[in-house]
Protein backbone atom coordinates (compact mmCIF):
# COMPACT_ATOMS: atom_id res chain seq x y z
CA MET A 1 193.99 102.17 142.75
CA LEU A 2 192.64 105.46 141.22
CA ILE A 3 193.97 106.11 138.13
CA ARG A 4 193.29 109.36 136.06
CA HIS A 5 192.97 109.37 132.05
CA GLY A 6 196.23 111.51 130.10
CA HIS A 7 196.03 115.16 128.92
CA TYR A 8 193.66 115.54 126.18
CA ASN A 9 192.21 118.21 123.90
CA ASP A 10 190.58 120.45 126.52
CA LYS A 11 189.51 122.92 123.65
CA ALA A 12 186.64 120.15 122.50
CA ARG A 13 183.07 121.08 122.71
CA GLN A 14 182.27 117.33 122.31
CA ASP A 15 183.11 114.35 123.95
CA VAL A 16 183.98 112.85 120.98
CA ASP A 17 186.96 115.40 119.81
CA ALA A 18 187.87 115.27 123.57
CA PHE A 19 190.70 112.76 122.38
CA LEU A 20 194.35 112.09 124.14
CA THR A 21 196.95 113.99 122.90
CA ALA A 22 200.48 113.03 122.24
CA GLN A 23 201.13 113.70 125.82
CA GLY A 24 198.17 111.92 127.32
CA ARG A 25 199.48 108.95 124.94
CA GLN A 26 202.90 109.13 126.82
CA GLN A 27 201.37 109.75 130.28
CA ALA A 28 199.01 106.32 129.51
CA ARG A 29 201.81 104.70 128.67
CA ILE A 30 203.93 105.53 131.35
CA MET A 31 201.20 104.67 134.00
CA SER A 32 200.01 101.54 132.66
CA GLN A 33 204.06 100.21 132.62
CA ARG A 34 204.06 101.36 136.09
CA VAL A 35 200.89 99.06 136.62
CA ALA A 36 202.43 96.45 135.10
CA ASP A 37 205.59 96.55 137.16
CA MET A 38 203.42 96.28 140.48
CA ASP A 39 203.29 92.92 142.25
CA TRP A 40 199.52 93.04 142.11
CA LYS A 41 197.35 92.88 139.43
CA PRO A 42 193.61 94.40 139.31
CA ASP A 43 190.71 91.74 139.27
CA ARG A 44 188.62 94.27 137.32
CA VAL A 45 189.14 97.80 135.86
CA ILE A 46 186.00 100.17 136.01
CA VAL A 47 186.21 102.76 133.28
CA SER A 48 183.89 105.81 132.42
CA ASP A 49 182.87 105.76 128.62
CA MET A 50 184.15 109.57 127.63
CA THR A 51 186.78 108.94 124.59
CA ARG A 52 189.40 110.04 126.84
CA ALA A 53 189.33 107.49 129.27
CA LYS A 54 188.40 104.83 126.90
CA GLU A 55 191.78 106.07 125.07
CA THR A 56 193.49 105.63 128.69
CA HIS A 57 191.66 102.51 129.14
CA ALA A 58 192.96 100.81 125.81
CA ILE A 59 196.66 101.75 126.53
CA LEU A 60 196.82 100.34 130.18
CA MET A 61 194.66 97.11 129.07
CA GLN A 62 197.95 96.45 126.29
CA LYS A 63 200.15 95.92 129.79
CA LEU A 64 197.68 93.71 132.02
CA PRO A 65 196.82 90.10 131.78
CA ASP A 66 194.49 88.99 128.78
CA GLY A 67 190.82 88.78 130.16
CA THR A 68 191.12 91.38 133.02
CA PRO A 69 187.68 91.97 133.29
CA THR A 70 186.55 95.43 132.36
CA GLU A 71 183.12 97.74 133.21
CA THR A 72 182.27 100.83 131.61
CA ILE A 73 179.90 103.22 134.04
CA PRO A 74 178.47 105.90 132.10
CA GLN A 75 177.40 107.53 135.37
CA LEU A 76 181.26 108.50 135.45
CA ARG A 77 180.67 110.63 132.82
CA GLU A 78 182.76 114.12 134.20
CA GLY A 79 180.04 116.29 135.68
CA ARG A 80 179.42 119.02 138.14
CA PRO A 81 178.71 116.67 141.27
CA CYS A 82 178.70 120.14 143.98
CA GLN A 83 179.10 124.34 144.40
CA PRO A 84 182.87 124.96 144.35
CA VAL A 85 184.46 126.96 147.43
CA PRO A 86 184.47 129.73 146.63
CA PRO A 87 182.12 129.95 144.50
CA SER A 88 181.95 130.14 141.10
CA ARG A 89 180.51 132.95 138.37
CA SER A 90 180.85 131.36 135.27
CA GLY A 91 177.46 130.14 135.39
CA ILE A 92 177.87 126.49 135.02
CA TYR A 93 177.35 125.32 138.22
CA ARG A 94 173.77 125.94 138.04
CA LYS A 95 171.73 124.35 140.94
CA ALA A 96 169.70 122.24 138.20
CA VAL A 97 173.31 120.76 136.85
CA VAL A 98 174.76 120.35 139.81
CA GLU A 99 171.89 118.37 142.21
CA ARG A 100 171.73 115.87 138.45
CA ASP A 101 175.20 115.27 137.93
CA GLY A 102 175.84 114.89 141.86
CA SER A 103 172.83 112.33 141.94
CA ARG A 104 174.30 110.36 138.89
CA ILE A 105 177.97 110.42 140.45
CA ASP A 106 176.94 109.51 143.59
CA GLU A 107 175.27 107.05 142.16
CA ALA A 108 178.68 105.42 140.58
CA PHE A 109 180.47 105.91 143.32
CA ASP A 110 177.77 103.85 146.14
CA PHE A 111 177.84 101.15 142.87
CA ILE A 112 181.63 100.87 143.16
CA PHE A 113 182.79 101.89 146.86
CA HIS A 114 181.18 100.96 149.92
CA ARG A 115 181.95 100.14 153.68
CA ALA A 116 182.95 96.62 154.33
CA THR A 117 181.61 94.54 157.53
CA PRO A 118 184.39 93.38 160.00
CA THR A 119 183.63 90.16 158.93
CA GLN A 120 183.78 90.57 154.94
CA ALA A 121 186.26 88.79 152.67
CA PRO A 122 189.04 90.65 151.31
CA ALA A 123 188.14 92.60 148.54
CA PRO A 124 188.91 92.60 145.21
CA ARG A 125 191.67 94.42 144.28
CA LEU A 126 190.13 97.18 141.55
CA LEU A 127 191.58 99.68 138.84
CA PHE A 128 189.44 102.46 138.75
CA ALA A 129 190.03 105.12 135.77
CA PRO A 130 187.52 108.18 137.09
CA GLN A 131 186.91 111.49 135.38
CA GLY A 132 188.15 115.25 136.37
CA ARG A 133 186.05 116.66 138.97
CA VAL A 134 184.73 112.71 139.71
CA CYS A 135 187.83 112.08 141.14
CA ILE A 136 187.73 111.74 145.20
């Protein structure tokens, strides 16, 4: 299951100031209740270390069973993993930035997702909370 963080202060220049808005906290509470109402619970939660993801995660964990393991993966931080189509004229998609971010994000996805072999035992149930522009 993939979950994105709630609405956040998108005017912030630094991550510490990109906290959830009141609307984002409400979105996270609604999403958390929906997860809690499902017939299954995740075996673990993977989250980015960005402020808005950590806040969404904290709200979610109030609805999950105590002791649900969480893994924080800094490589999931927001980034620019590829050139947009059509190309951007903003200058924020410089080749060096895209190569650096793309490599970091690919590493995180390779760690989280893999192609199972036909004989592999059933996979654990995973709750994954990625960042914007990192969602697939």
